[in-house]
Structure formats: structure tokens, C-alpha cells
N, C-alpha and C. Protein backbone atom coordinates (compact mmCIF):
# COMPACT_ATOMS: atom_id res chain seq x y z
N MET A 1 99.25 81.66 -19.88
CA MET A 1 97.98 81.65 -20.50
C MET A 1 97.40 82.92 -20.65
N LYS A 2 97.90 84.00 -20.20
CA LYS A 2 97.58 85.46 -20.29
C LYS A 2 97.63 86.06 -21.59
N ASN A 3 98.16 85.22 -22.52
CA ASN A 3 98.34 85.78 -23.89
C ASN A 3 96.84 86.33 -24.47
N LYS A 4 97.07 87.56 -24.88
CA LYS A 4 95.81 88.25 -25.44
C LYS A 4 95.37 87.62 -26.66
N ASN A 5 96.09 86.84 -27.53
CA ASN A 5 95.85 86.51 -28.76
C ASN A 5 94.80 85.16 -28.69
N LEU A 6 94.81 84.70 -27.45
CA LEU A 6 94.12 83.30 -27.22
C LEU A 6 92.58 83.62 -26.96
N THR A 7 91.61 82.97 -27.37
CA THR A 7 90.36 83.16 -27.13
C THR A 7 89.99 82.50 -25.70
N LEU A 8 88.85 82.94 -25.24
CA LEU A 8 88.53 82.21 -24.09
C LEU A 8 88.40 80.73 -24.23
N ASN A 9 87.70 80.02 -25.14
CA ASN A 9 87.71 78.52 -25.24
C ASN A 9 89.16 78.21 -25.36
N GLU A 10 90.18 78.66 -26.14
CA GLU A 10 91.32 78.20 -25.95
C GLU A 10 92.16 78.03 -24.63
N LYS A 11 91.97 79.03 -23.92
CA LYS A 11 92.26 79.22 -22.57
C LYS A 11 91.68 78.11 -21.71
N VAL A 12 90.56 77.87 -21.96
CA VAL A 12 89.80 76.82 -21.01
C VAL A 12 90.45 75.42 -21.49
N LEU A 13 90.72 75.42 -22.77
CA LEU A 13 91.47 74.00 -23.33
C LEU A 13 92.70 73.91 -22.69
N ILE A 14 93.37 74.92 -22.63
CA ILE A 14 94.78 74.82 -22.06
C ILE A 14 94.68 74.39 -20.60
N ALA A 15 93.73 74.92 -19.71
CA ALA A 15 93.50 74.83 -18.46
C ALA A 15 93.21 73.08 -18.39
N ILE A 16 92.29 72.74 -19.20
CA ILE A 16 91.88 71.43 -19.30
C ILE A 16 93.05 70.35 -19.42
N SER A 17 93.89 70.82 -20.42
CA SER A 17 95.17 69.97 -20.64
C SER A 17 96.03 69.94 -19.41
N ILE A 18 95.88 70.90 -18.69
CA ILE A 18 96.90 70.85 -17.56
C ILE A 18 96.10 69.92 -16.53
N ILE A 19 94.82 69.90 -16.30
CA ILE A 19 94.08 68.87 -15.41
C ILE A 19 94.38 67.26 -15.87
N THR A 20 94.27 67.27 -17.14
CA THR A 20 94.37 65.80 -17.60
C THR A 20 95.58 65.35 -18.26
N ALA A 21 96.47 66.41 -18.31
CA ALA A 21 97.90 65.95 -19.11
C ALA A 21 97.58 65.36 -20.41
N GLY A 22 96.58 65.96 -21.01
CA GLY A 22 96.25 65.39 -22.52
C GLY A 22 95.53 63.93 -22.58
N ASP A 23 95.13 63.32 -21.30
CA ASP A 23 94.59 62.05 -21.15
C ASP A 23 93.10 62.29 -21.63
N ILE A 24 92.62 61.63 -22.81
CA ILE A 24 91.28 61.65 -23.30
C ILE A 24 90.34 60.80 -22.29
N ASN A 25 90.95 59.93 -21.50
CA ASN A 25 90.05 59.08 -20.71
C ASN A 25 89.83 59.58 -19.41
N LYS A 26 90.74 60.62 -18.97
CA LYS A 26 90.75 61.29 -17.70
C LYS A 26 89.43 62.08 -17.59
N LYS A 27 88.66 61.79 -16.63
CA LYS A 27 87.27 62.62 -16.33
C LYS A 27 87.78 63.68 -15.45
N PHE A 28 86.87 64.96 -15.68
CA PHE A 28 87.03 66.20 -14.84
C PHE A 28 85.73 66.73 -14.74
N THR A 29 85.52 67.73 -13.79
CA THR A 29 84.38 68.15 -13.51
C THR A 29 84.39 69.53 -13.91
N ALA A 30 82.92 70.17 -13.90
CA ALA A 30 83.03 71.77 -14.53
C ALA A 30 83.82 72.57 -13.36
N GLU A 31 83.57 71.99 -12.02
CA GLU A 31 84.40 72.69 -10.93
C GLU A 31 85.93 72.70 -11.06
N ASP A 32 86.14 71.37 -11.54
CA ASP A 32 87.71 71.66 -11.76
C ASP A 32 88.17 72.61 -12.92
N ILE A 33 87.32 72.76 -13.76
CA ILE A 33 87.60 73.59 -14.85
C ILE A 33 87.60 75.14 -14.49
N ILE A 34 86.66 75.42 -13.73
CA ILE A 34 86.35 76.75 -13.25
C ILE A 34 87.56 77.07 -12.25
N ILE A 35 87.91 76.46 -11.43
CA ILE A 35 89.03 76.66 -10.57
C ILE A 35 90.32 76.88 -11.43
N LYS A 36 90.73 75.71 -12.12
CA LYS A 36 92.01 75.79 -12.88
C LYS A 36 92.06 77.01 -13.91
N ALA A 37 91.07 77.21 -14.61
CA ALA A 37 91.10 78.36 -15.62
C ALA A 37 91.20 79.68 -14.82
N TRP A 38 90.67 79.84 -13.65
CA TRP A 38 90.66 80.91 -12.98
C TRP A 38 91.99 81.12 -12.25
N GLU A 39 92.69 80.27 -11.74
CA GLU A 39 93.95 80.13 -11.35
C GLU A 39 95.03 80.55 -12.36
N GLU A 40 94.86 80.15 -13.68
CA GLU A 40 95.73 80.35 -14.76
C GLU A 40 95.64 81.94 -15.19
N ASP A 41 94.26 82.31 -15.16
CA ASP A 41 94.28 83.88 -15.57
C ASP A 41 93.07 84.31 -14.89
N LYS A 42 93.14 84.99 -13.79
CA LYS A 42 92.11 85.66 -12.97
C LYS A 42 91.41 86.65 -13.64
N GLY A 43 92.19 87.36 -14.53
CA GLY A 43 91.73 88.58 -15.33
C GLY A 43 90.57 88.11 -16.01
N ALA A 44 90.89 87.05 -16.75
CA ALA A 44 89.73 86.57 -17.83
C ALA A 44 88.60 85.78 -17.24
N PHE A 45 88.97 85.22 -16.21
CA PHE A 45 88.04 84.21 -15.60
C PHE A 45 87.25 84.58 -14.10
N GLY A 46 87.84 85.72 -13.80
CA GLY A 46 87.38 86.12 -12.47
C GLY A 46 86.08 86.88 -12.39
N LEU A 47 85.48 86.94 -11.33
CA LEU A 47 84.14 87.69 -11.19
C LEU A 47 84.40 89.16 -11.22
N ARG A 48 83.65 89.73 -12.14
CA ARG A 48 83.95 91.20 -12.14
C ARG A 48 83.94 92.02 -10.72
N GLY A 49 85.01 92.81 -10.74
CA GLY A 49 85.20 93.40 -9.51
C GLY A 49 85.81 92.69 -8.37
N TYR A 50 85.77 91.39 -8.38
CA TYR A 50 86.54 90.42 -7.52
C TYR A 50 87.43 89.45 -8.16
N GLU A 51 87.96 89.92 -9.31
CA GLU A 51 88.82 88.92 -10.29
C GLU A 51 89.79 88.00 -9.42
N LYS A 52 90.33 88.72 -8.30
CA LYS A 52 91.62 88.02 -7.72
C LYS A 52 91.19 87.04 -6.54
N ASP A 53 89.78 87.30 -6.25
CA ASP A 53 89.35 86.53 -5.18
C ASP A 53 88.26 85.34 -5.54
N HIS A 54 87.54 85.56 -6.63
CA HIS A 54 86.40 84.61 -7.06
C HIS A 54 86.41 84.43 -8.48
N PRO A 55 86.15 83.14 -8.77
CA PRO A 55 86.06 82.82 -10.46
C PRO A 55 84.58 83.18 -10.83
N ASP A 56 84.22 83.44 -12.01
CA ASP A 56 83.09 83.69 -12.46
C ASP A 56 82.54 82.35 -13.03
N SER A 57 81.77 81.58 -12.49
CA SER A 57 81.41 80.43 -13.00
C SER A 57 80.52 80.46 -14.28
N ASN A 58 79.92 81.56 -14.33
CA ASN A 58 78.72 81.58 -15.25
C ASN A 58 79.62 81.77 -16.80
N ILE A 59 80.69 82.42 -16.72
CA ILE A 59 81.72 82.44 -17.96
C ILE A 59 82.23 80.96 -18.27
N LEU A 60 82.48 80.33 -17.42
CA LEU A 60 82.93 78.92 -17.67
C LEU A 60 82.06 78.01 -18.21
N TYR A 61 80.79 77.94 -17.53
CA TYR A 61 79.78 77.21 -17.83
C TYR A 61 79.26 77.51 -19.44
N THR A 62 79.34 78.78 -19.82
CA THR A 62 78.91 79.06 -21.25
C THR A 62 80.14 78.62 -22.14
N LYS A 63 81.25 78.64 -21.70
CA LYS A 63 82.35 77.99 -22.66
C LYS A 63 82.33 76.52 -22.75
N LEU A 64 81.69 75.97 -21.65
CA LEU A 64 81.64 74.62 -21.84
C LEU A 64 80.48 74.14 -22.67
N MET A 65 79.05 74.61 -22.33
CA MET A 65 77.92 74.09 -22.73
C MET A 65 77.08 75.04 -23.56
N GLY A 66 77.49 76.32 -23.80
CA GLY A 66 76.97 77.20 -24.67
C GLY A 66 76.70 76.86 -26.05
N LYS A 67 76.15 77.72 -26.80
CA LYS A 67 75.75 77.24 -28.18
C LYS A 67 77.14 77.15 -28.97
N SER A 68 78.22 78.08 -28.62
CA SER A 68 79.53 78.03 -29.21
C SER A 68 80.67 77.30 -28.26
N GLY A 69 80.11 76.56 -27.04
CA GLY A 69 80.91 75.96 -26.12
C GLY A 69 81.60 74.93 -26.52
N LEU A 70 82.60 74.28 -25.86
CA LEU A 70 83.56 73.39 -26.15
C LEU A 70 82.93 71.92 -26.53
N VAL A 71 81.73 71.74 -25.93
CA VAL A 71 81.11 70.37 -26.17
C VAL A 71 80.32 70.55 -27.33
N ARG A 72 79.66 71.61 -27.59
CA ARG A 72 79.14 71.74 -28.97
C ARG A 72 79.99 71.82 -30.04
N LEU A 73 81.35 72.33 -30.01
CA LEU A 73 82.29 72.27 -30.96
C LEU A 73 83.00 71.02 -31.23
N GLY A 74 82.74 70.02 -30.32
CA GLY A 74 83.51 68.80 -30.50
C GLY A 74 84.72 68.34 -29.88
N TYR A 75 85.21 69.42 -28.98
CA TYR A 75 86.32 69.40 -28.26
C TYR A 75 86.21 68.76 -26.85
N LEU A 76 85.06 68.88 -26.16
CA LEU A 76 84.73 68.05 -25.13
C LEU A 76 83.59 67.16 -25.19
N LYS A 77 83.57 66.16 -24.45
CA LYS A 77 82.48 65.13 -24.54
C LYS A 77 81.93 65.01 -22.98
N LYS A 78 80.58 65.21 -22.84
CA LYS A 78 79.83 65.16 -21.68
C LYS A 78 79.72 63.63 -21.35
N VAL A 79 80.27 63.22 -20.23
CA VAL A 79 80.11 61.96 -19.78
C VAL A 79 79.30 61.46 -18.47
N GLY A 80 78.87 62.66 -17.93
CA GLY A 80 78.10 62.58 -16.64
C GLY A 80 77.71 63.92 -16.23
N ASP A 81 77.11 64.08 -15.00
CA ASP A 81 76.40 65.55 -14.54
C ASP A 81 77.69 66.33 -14.38
N LYS A 82 77.69 67.39 -15.11
CA LYS A 82 78.78 68.37 -14.95
C LYS A 82 80.09 67.59 -14.99
N THR A 83 80.26 66.40 -15.83
CA THR A 83 81.48 65.85 -15.99
C THR A 83 81.87 65.53 -17.31
N TYR A 84 83.35 65.61 -17.68
CA TYR A 84 83.65 65.54 -19.21
C TYR A 84 85.04 64.92 -19.35
N THR A 85 85.13 64.75 -20.56
CA THR A 85 86.57 64.19 -21.10
C THR A 85 86.81 64.96 -22.33
N LEU A 86 88.14 65.02 -22.68
CA LEU A 86 88.64 65.55 -23.70
C LEU A 86 88.18 64.74 -24.93
N THR A 87 87.79 65.13 -26.09
CA THR A 87 87.84 64.37 -27.27
C THR A 87 89.12 64.27 -27.96
N GLU A 88 89.45 63.59 -28.89
CA GLU A 88 90.98 63.54 -29.53
C GLU A 88 91.18 64.97 -30.16
N ALA A 89 90.03 65.46 -30.75
CA ALA A 89 90.23 66.82 -31.54
C ALA A 89 90.61 67.86 -30.41
N GLY A 90 89.93 67.70 -29.13
CA GLY A 90 90.19 68.69 -27.96
C GLY A 90 91.59 68.52 -27.50
N ALA A 91 92.07 67.28 -27.42
CA ALA A 91 93.36 67.02 -27.06
C ALA A 91 94.39 67.63 -27.82
N SER A 92 94.16 67.31 -29.16
CA SER A 92 95.14 67.98 -30.23
C SER A 92 95.09 69.16 -30.24
N ILE A 93 94.15 70.03 -30.21
CA ILE A 93 94.21 71.48 -30.38
C ILE A 93 94.77 72.07 -28.98
N SER A 94 94.46 71.64 -27.90
CA SER A 94 95.13 72.00 -26.61
C SER A 94 96.75 71.79 -26.68
N ALA A 95 97.12 70.58 -27.26
CA ALA A 95 98.43 70.27 -27.32
C ALA A 95 99.14 71.32 -28.08
N ARG A 96 98.58 71.83 -29.40
CA ARG A 96 98.96 72.55 -30.28
C ARG A 96 99.11 73.95 -29.73
N LEU A 97 98.15 74.39 -28.68
CA LEU A 97 98.40 75.52 -27.83
C LEU A 97 99.44 75.47 -26.82
N SER A 98 100.09 74.30 -26.56
CA SER A 98 100.89 74.19 -25.66
C SER A 98 102.29 73.70 -26.10
N PRO A 99 102.91 74.52 -27.15
CA PRO A 99 104.15 73.82 -28.03
C PRO A 99 105.29 73.55 -27.21
N LYS A 100 105.40 73.91 -26.13
CA LYS A 100 106.69 73.66 -25.29
C LYS A 100 106.44 72.41 -24.72
N ASN A 101 105.25 71.59 -24.70
CA ASN A 101 105.09 70.24 -24.07
C ASN A 101 105.11 69.26 -25.04
N GLU A 102 106.31 68.72 -25.40
CA GLU A 102 106.38 67.79 -26.41
C GLU A 102 105.79 66.50 -26.12
N ASP A 103 105.72 66.08 -24.97
CA ASP A 103 105.05 64.83 -24.37
C ASP A 103 103.49 65.04 -24.65
N LEU A 104 102.96 66.23 -24.34
CA LEU A 104 101.65 66.33 -24.54
C LEU A 104 101.15 66.35 -26.02
N GLN A 105 102.11 66.88 -26.86
CA GLN A 105 101.80 66.76 -28.36
C GLN A 105 101.87 65.28 -28.95
N LEU A 106 102.75 64.68 -28.44
CA LEU A 106 103.10 63.35 -29.00
C LEU A 106 101.74 62.41 -28.62
N LYS A 107 101.32 62.42 -27.35
CA LYS A 107 100.13 61.88 -26.81
C LYS A 107 98.99 62.19 -27.60
N ALA A 108 98.67 63.50 -27.73
CA ALA A 108 97.42 64.07 -28.59
C ALA A 108 97.51 63.37 -29.98
N ASN A 109 98.89 63.62 -30.48
CA ASN A 109 98.86 63.15 -32.03
C ASN A 109 98.55 61.64 -32.32
N ARG A 110 99.05 60.83 -31.24
CA ARG A 110 98.54 59.36 -31.13
C ARG A 110 97.08 59.15 -31.08
N GLY A 111 96.44 59.81 -30.03
CA GLY A 111 95.15 59.78 -29.78
C GLY A 111 94.37 60.29 -31.14
N LEU A 112 94.75 61.15 -31.92
CA LEU A 112 94.07 61.77 -32.95
C LEU A 112 94.10 60.62 -34.05
N GLN A 113 95.48 60.36 -34.23
CA GLN A 113 95.72 59.11 -35.32
C GLN A 113 94.89 57.98 -35.17
N GLU A 114 94.69 57.68 -33.81
CA GLU A 114 93.81 56.30 -33.62
C GLU A 114 92.24 56.79 -33.93
N ALA A 115 91.76 57.90 -33.60
CA ALA A 115 90.64 58.29 -34.02
C ALA A 115 90.29 58.35 -35.46
N ILE A 116 91.18 58.83 -36.18
CA ILE A 116 91.05 58.82 -37.63
C ILE A 116 91.03 57.35 -38.29
N ILE A 117 91.89 56.66 -37.89
CA ILE A 117 92.05 55.11 -38.21
C ILE A 117 90.67 54.50 -38.06
N LYS A 118 90.09 54.75 -36.67
CA LYS A 118 88.87 54.04 -36.43
C LYS A 118 87.70 54.71 -37.46
N ILE A 119 87.69 56.06 -37.78
CA ILE A 119 86.76 56.29 -38.65
C ILE A 119 87.02 55.72 -40.10
N LEU A 120 88.09 55.82 -40.52
CA LEU A 120 88.53 55.14 -42.00
C LEU A 120 88.27 53.65 -42.02
N ASN A 121 88.39 52.98 -40.86
CA ASN A 121 88.06 51.76 -40.95
C ASN A 121 86.73 51.15 -40.65
N HIS A 122 85.84 52.11 -40.44
CA HIS A 122 84.34 51.69 -39.89
C HIS A 122 83.74 50.99 -41.14
N PRO A 123 83.06 49.83 -40.92
CA PRO A 123 82.50 49.18 -42.12
C PRO A 123 81.57 49.87 -42.91
N ILE A 124 80.83 50.94 -42.31
CA ILE A 124 79.84 51.65 -43.19
C ILE A 124 80.76 52.39 -44.32
N PHE A 125 81.81 53.09 -43.70
CA PHE A 125 82.55 53.91 -44.53
C PHE A 125 83.23 53.11 -45.67
N GLN A 126 83.68 51.87 -45.27
CA GLN A 126 84.22 50.79 -46.18
C GLN A 126 83.19 50.55 -47.16
N ASP A 127 82.00 50.27 -46.80
CA ASP A 127 80.98 49.99 -47.78
C ASP A 127 80.68 51.01 -48.90
N TRP A 128 80.61 52.22 -48.43
CA TRP A 128 80.46 53.27 -49.30
C TRP A 128 81.54 53.47 -50.10
N LYS A 129 82.76 53.18 -49.89
CA LYS A 129 83.73 53.33 -50.68
C LYS A 129 83.57 52.25 -52.05
N ILE A 130 83.01 51.18 -51.69
CA ILE A 130 82.69 50.22 -52.86
C ILE A 130 81.47 50.61 -53.58
N ASP A 131 80.48 50.93 -52.75
CA ASP A 131 79.07 51.20 -53.40
C ASP A 131 78.77 52.51 -52.82
N LYS A 132 78.70 53.70 -53.68
CA LYS A 132 78.35 55.02 -53.32
C LYS A 132 76.76 55.03 -52.73
N ASN A 133 75.89 54.09 -53.09
CA ASN A 133 74.72 54.04 -53.02
C ASN A 133 74.23 53.78 -51.54
N LYS A 134 75.38 53.11 -50.97
CA LYS A 134 75.32 52.56 -49.56
C LYS A 134 75.85 53.86 -48.59
N PRO A 135 75.44 53.85 -47.11
CA PRO A 135 74.30 53.04 -46.88
C PRO A 135 72.78 53.59 -47.23
N LYS A 136 72.01 52.63 -47.21
CA LYS A 136 70.59 52.86 -47.58
C LYS A 136 69.68 53.26 -46.64
N SER A 137 70.02 52.66 -45.59
CA SER A 137 69.07 53.21 -44.15
C SER A 137 69.79 54.02 -43.29
N PHE A 138 68.89 54.84 -42.70
CA PHE A 138 69.49 55.75 -41.51
C PHE A 138 70.00 54.94 -40.34
N ARG A 139 69.48 53.79 -40.35
CA ARG A 139 70.19 52.93 -39.04
C ARG A 139 71.57 52.61 -39.34
N ASP A 140 72.09 52.45 -40.47
CA ASP A 140 73.46 52.16 -40.79
C ASP A 140 74.27 53.41 -40.62
N ALA A 141 73.72 54.60 -41.02
CA ALA A 141 74.31 55.92 -41.15
C ALA A 141 74.29 56.18 -39.47
N GLY A 142 73.32 55.96 -38.84
CA GLY A 142 73.49 56.27 -37.23
C GLY A 142 74.50 55.51 -36.55
N TRP A 143 74.70 54.32 -37.26
CA TRP A 143 75.84 53.33 -36.46
C TRP A 143 77.21 54.11 -36.81
N PHE A 144 77.48 54.62 -37.88
CA PHE A 144 78.60 55.35 -38.14
C PHE A 144 78.63 56.52 -37.22
N TRP A 145 77.84 57.20 -37.00
CA TRP A 145 77.82 58.40 -36.08
C TRP A 145 77.72 58.23 -34.77
N GLY A 146 77.18 57.06 -34.40
CA GLY A 146 76.67 56.68 -32.86
C GLY A 146 75.44 57.44 -32.55
N ILE A 147 74.45 57.57 -33.31
CA ILE A 147 73.28 58.13 -33.01
C ILE A 147 72.11 57.12 -33.51
N ALA A 148 71.00 57.44 -33.04
CA ALA A 148 69.67 56.57 -33.35
C ALA A 148 68.53 57.20 -32.91
N PRO A 149 67.24 56.80 -33.35
CA PRO A 149 66.03 57.38 -32.88
C PRO A 149 65.95 57.59 -31.49
N GLY A 150 65.75 58.60 -30.76
CA GLY A 150 65.75 58.67 -29.33
C GLY A 150 66.87 59.36 -28.81
N THR A 151 67.77 59.69 -29.55
CA THR A 151 69.29 60.21 -29.10
C THR A 151 68.77 61.73 -28.97
N PRO A 152 69.18 62.30 -27.76
CA PRO A 152 68.90 63.61 -27.36
C PRO A 152 69.46 64.61 -28.59
N PRO A 153 68.98 65.59 -28.78
CA PRO A 153 69.31 66.54 -29.93
C PRO A 153 70.67 66.96 -29.71
N LYS A 154 71.08 67.55 -28.44
CA LYS A 154 72.32 68.04 -28.24
C LYS A 154 73.58 66.92 -28.55
N VAL A 155 73.17 65.56 -28.13
CA VAL A 155 74.11 64.45 -28.54
C VAL A 155 74.26 64.25 -29.99
N VAL A 156 73.04 64.42 -30.78
CA VAL A 156 73.11 64.20 -32.18
C VAL A 156 74.19 65.21 -32.78
N SER A 157 73.84 66.55 -32.33
CA SER A 157 74.70 67.66 -32.93
C SER A 157 76.10 67.47 -32.48
N GLU A 158 76.55 66.88 -31.24
CA GLU A 158 77.78 66.68 -30.90
C GLU A 158 78.51 65.69 -31.57
N ARG A 159 77.63 64.45 -31.79
CA ARG A 159 78.27 63.37 -32.51
C ARG A 159 78.81 63.69 -33.99
N LEU A 160 77.92 64.50 -34.60
CA LEU A 160 78.22 65.08 -35.97
C LEU A 160 79.35 65.97 -35.88
N LYS A 161 79.42 66.73 -35.03
CA LYS A 161 80.56 67.70 -34.87
C LYS A 161 81.73 66.95 -34.41
N TYR A 162 81.68 65.84 -33.85
CA TYR A 162 83.11 65.09 -33.50
C TYR A 162 83.80 64.81 -34.69
N VAL A 163 83.02 64.12 -35.70
CA VAL A 163 83.61 63.63 -36.95
C VAL A 163 84.36 64.92 -37.51
N GLU A 164 83.46 65.92 -37.66
CA GLU A 164 84.04 67.07 -38.43
C GLU A 164 85.39 67.74 -37.85
N GLN A 165 85.25 67.77 -36.44
CA GLN A 165 86.42 68.36 -35.70
C GLN A 165 87.68 67.53 -35.84
N THR A 166 87.36 66.15 -35.72
CA THR A 166 88.42 65.10 -35.79
C THR A 166 89.09 65.20 -37.15
N LEU A 167 88.31 65.44 -38.21
CA LEU A 167 88.94 65.41 -39.65
C LEU A 167 89.78 66.87 -39.73
N PHE A 168 89.15 67.97 -39.19
CA PHE A 168 89.84 69.19 -39.32
C PHE A 168 90.93 69.32 -38.37
N GLU A 169 91.27 68.70 -37.38
CA GLU A 169 92.24 68.61 -36.70
C GLU A 169 93.48 67.72 -37.27
N ALA A 170 93.13 66.55 -37.82
CA ALA A 170 93.96 65.87 -38.60
C ALA A 170 94.52 66.51 -39.79
N ARG A 171 93.75 67.39 -40.48
CA ARG A 171 94.36 68.16 -41.47
C ARG A 171 95.13 69.39 -40.85
N SER A 172 95.02 69.79 -39.70
CA SER A 172 95.75 70.84 -39.01
C SER A 172 97.33 70.09 -38.82
N ILE A 173 97.26 69.02 -38.44
CA ILE A 173 98.41 68.30 -38.14
C ILE A 173 99.34 68.27 -39.32
N LEU A 174 98.59 67.68 -40.34
CA LEU A 174 99.33 67.47 -41.71
C LEU A 174 100.05 68.94 -42.37
N LYS A 175 99.18 70.02 -41.90
CA LYS A 175 99.55 71.31 -42.33
C LYS A 175 100.84 71.79 -41.52
N GLU A 176 100.88 71.48 -40.38
CA GLU A 176 101.79 71.80 -39.34
C GLU A 176 103.15 71.00 -39.50
N LYS A 177 102.75 69.85 -39.93
CA LYS A 177 104.11 68.97 -40.38
C LYS A 177 104.48 69.18 -41.91
N LYS A 178 103.79 69.97 -42.54
CA LYS A 178 104.02 70.17 -43.94
C LYS A 178 104.26 68.90 -44.70
N SER A 179 103.25 68.11 -44.54
CA SER A 179 103.13 66.56 -44.96
C SER A 179 101.72 66.44 -45.46
N LYS A 180 101.86 65.36 -46.58
CA LYS A 180 100.70 65.08 -47.07
C LYS A 180 100.02 63.87 -46.72
N GLU A 181 100.74 63.22 -45.74
CA GLU A 181 100.63 61.92 -45.13
C GLU A 181 101.06 61.73 -43.78
N ILE A 182 100.60 60.89 -42.76
CA ILE A 182 101.09 60.46 -41.49
C ILE A 182 101.47 59.17 -41.55
N ILE A 183 102.79 59.07 -41.18
CA ILE A 183 103.49 57.66 -41.17
C ILE A 183 103.86 57.27 -39.88
N GLU A 184 103.63 55.98 -39.58
CA GLU A 184 104.11 55.40 -38.17
C GLU A 184 105.49 55.14 -38.24
N GLU A 185 106.04 54.85 -37.02
CA GLU A 185 107.48 54.65 -36.81
C GLU A 185 108.15 53.59 -37.73
N ARG A 186 107.23 52.48 -38.17
CA ARG A 186 107.79 51.54 -39.03
C ARG A 186 107.78 51.70 -40.46
N GLY A 187 107.33 53.03 -40.77
CA GLY A 187 107.24 53.55 -42.06
C GLY A 187 105.72 53.28 -42.77
N LYS A 188 104.84 52.80 -42.11
CA LYS A 188 103.42 52.37 -42.75
C LYS A 188 102.75 53.92 -42.82
N ILE A 189 102.16 53.99 -44.00
CA ILE A 189 101.47 55.26 -43.96
C ILE A 189 100.06 54.92 -43.34
N LEU A 190 99.78 55.69 -42.36
CA LEU A 190 98.37 55.50 -41.55
C LEU A 190 97.13 56.18 -42.32
N PHE A 191 97.49 57.33 -42.89
CA PHE A 191 96.33 58.12 -43.75
C PHE A 191 97.08 59.38 -44.20
N ASN A 192 96.48 59.88 -45.38
CA ASN A 192 97.03 61.03 -45.96
C ASN A 192 95.65 61.94 -46.30
N GLY A 193 96.04 63.04 -46.97
CA GLY A 193 95.09 64.22 -47.15
C GLY A 193 93.86 63.62 -48.04
N LYS A 194 94.19 62.73 -48.88
CA LYS A 194 93.08 62.21 -49.68
C LYS A 194 92.07 61.32 -49.00
N ASP A 195 92.65 60.73 -47.93
CA ASP A 195 91.78 59.94 -47.20
C ASP A 195 90.79 60.91 -46.45
N LEU A 196 91.43 61.83 -45.75
CA LEU A 196 90.53 62.69 -45.10
C LEU A 196 89.60 63.38 -45.92
N ASP A 197 89.89 63.81 -47.24
CA ASP A 197 88.76 64.33 -48.17
C ASP A 197 87.91 63.60 -48.48
N LEU A 198 88.14 62.02 -48.71
CA LEU A 198 87.16 61.06 -48.87
C LEU A 198 86.09 60.97 -47.81
N CYS A 199 86.72 61.04 -46.65
CA CYS A 199 85.89 60.78 -45.37
C CYS A 199 84.96 61.92 -45.19
N GLU A 200 85.40 63.23 -45.35
CA GLU A 200 84.66 64.26 -45.33
C GLU A 200 83.58 64.18 -46.27
N LYS A 201 83.71 63.86 -47.59
CA LYS A 201 82.77 63.86 -48.74
C LYS A 201 81.74 62.72 -48.05
N PHE A 202 82.19 61.57 -47.53
CA PHE A 202 81.11 60.67 -47.11
C PHE A 202 80.20 61.07 -46.00
N HIS A 203 80.85 61.80 -44.93
CA HIS A 203 80.02 62.39 -44.02
C HIS A 203 79.11 63.38 -44.35
N ASN A 204 79.62 64.19 -45.34
CA ASN A 204 78.55 65.09 -46.03
C ASN A 204 77.58 64.58 -46.85
N THR A 205 77.85 63.50 -47.52
CA THR A 205 76.87 62.76 -48.21
C THR A 205 75.91 62.21 -47.51
N LEU A 206 76.38 61.74 -46.43
CA LEU A 206 75.20 61.01 -45.31
C LEU A 206 74.45 62.05 -44.71
N LYS A 207 74.90 63.04 -44.42
CA LYS A 207 74.12 64.30 -43.82
C LYS A 207 73.04 64.70 -44.64
N GLU A 208 73.52 64.94 -46.00
CA GLU A 208 72.46 65.18 -46.99
C GLU A 208 71.37 64.06 -47.25
N ARG A 209 71.92 62.93 -47.35
CA ARG A 209 70.97 61.86 -47.85
C ARG A 209 69.95 61.58 -46.81
N PHE A 210 70.40 61.63 -45.52
CA PHE A 210 69.59 61.53 -44.34
C PHE A 210 69.16 62.83 -43.46
N LYS A 211 68.95 63.88 -44.33
CA LYS A 211 68.82 65.19 -43.61
C LYS A 211 67.36 65.23 -42.97
N LYS A 212 66.52 64.69 -43.54
CA LYS A 212 65.23 64.61 -42.91
C LYS A 212 65.34 63.79 -41.50
N GLU A 213 65.83 62.80 -41.49
CA GLU A 213 65.92 61.77 -40.14
C GLU A 213 66.67 62.71 -39.35
N ILE A 214 68.03 63.29 -39.57
CA ILE A 214 68.78 64.10 -38.74
C ILE A 214 67.75 65.44 -38.20
N GLY A 215 67.13 65.93 -39.10
CA GLY A 215 66.36 67.03 -38.67
C GLY A 215 65.20 66.84 -37.63
N ILE A 216 64.58 65.56 -37.72
CA ILE A 216 63.68 65.15 -36.82
C ILE A 216 64.36 64.82 -35.20
N LEU A 217 65.50 64.38 -35.54
CA LEU A 217 66.31 64.24 -34.10
C LEU A 217 66.53 65.30 -33.61
N LEU A 218 67.07 66.31 -34.34
CA LEU A 218 67.38 67.70 -33.76
C LEU A 218 66.47 68.33 -33.14
N GLU A 219 65.06 68.23 -33.87
CA GLU A 219 63.97 69.01 -33.33
C GLU A 219 63.27 68.42 -32.02
N ASN A 220 63.50 67.06 -31.78
CA ASN A 220 62.74 66.56 -30.57
C ASN A 220 63.48 66.95 -29.33
């Protein structure tokens, strides 16, 4: 993990993939990440002047919860006090950063595929495909995103980013496979690039349509 071409965020994701073995349901703490990331690269995550003896927790907390941290980017989900899980996008990118681990890649790909199918099959998205004037209420849009009046601003931002990062990672998989579609073992097409484009258009349309409501939530 001492590859100089990797960002600190990427190094943290690799450490998390070691802790969780790519399992998006496995919870881990900030302390787990601090120790594992430091063990994997003491030069990057060690306390200045004491790199070999002590981790620098401030660096790790910034990479977790900072403005450009992994939670805000949609790669981690905060599920408790200093407790997290990987998102499907987070598992996917960490697997792509660990190309020698085929089991990790297969698990991440399955998780990402399931996340995309869930988005594509959502009733609000399906309604919009039939009638572009829907949804007409923020309540329905919020159902798609998993937000509502009273949702904390950070959570609102994270939920919106989750959709964007999931779609981005799915495109990365298609690009990596040099394919226009993802096909399951039995030959059924799960989704293709056009599906992802349409879902992104839907997501952006709702963001623009309910910009005022989203803005109010982000300000509270």
C-alpha cells in the first residue's frame, strides 16, 4: 500500500477492504481504520516525528468525515458513533485498487450490481420513465433518495452522493470490462450504459426540480 500513486483516501479504502474483506454489511470503527491504515503505511499515517510508533488520528478522521472525506464522497456510510460500513461504491473502488484479490472483486461487483438494480427498479424511477412530469412532490423524490424534512444536512448530502457514486462506479466497471452491458451468468442483461445514463438524468432532473427543498434541508 506504499504506492506513491495512491491518494490517502485510496489507501484508507484499501485498509478498510482488509478489515471487512469487502463485506458491505460488516461494521468497523474509526479506531479500527486508524490502526490498520497506520500498520499498512506508517509513513503516510504516522504521527509526524513518531511515524513508526504512533498513528496520527487527525489524518484519519479527516479522511473519514472531512469535507472531501470518504463519507461525504459516498464511499462509506456512518451507522453509529465513529462506526461505519462500506457502501457498494466504496467496496467496488477498494476492490479495483486490489487487483490481485479476485474474490474481493467478484464480491464487490455483485454488491454494486445489486445496488444498481435496486435503483433502476425503484417505483419512483419507473414512474418517471413513463411520465417525465413525475414525481410532483418532494415526498416522492425523498423516498427515492431516502431523505425527508428533518434529515440532517450531512445525511442529505451523503444520500445524494451515494446515487452519484454508485452510478459512477458502475460505469467504471463497464469501462474496465470494455463492455456496454452487465450480463449475469444465465445470460440475462442486468443493465447497460444507457440505463445508467437515464438514471443519472432522472437523478439530476429531481435535484433541479426540488432544488429549493434540498437547499432548505442542507441549510438546517
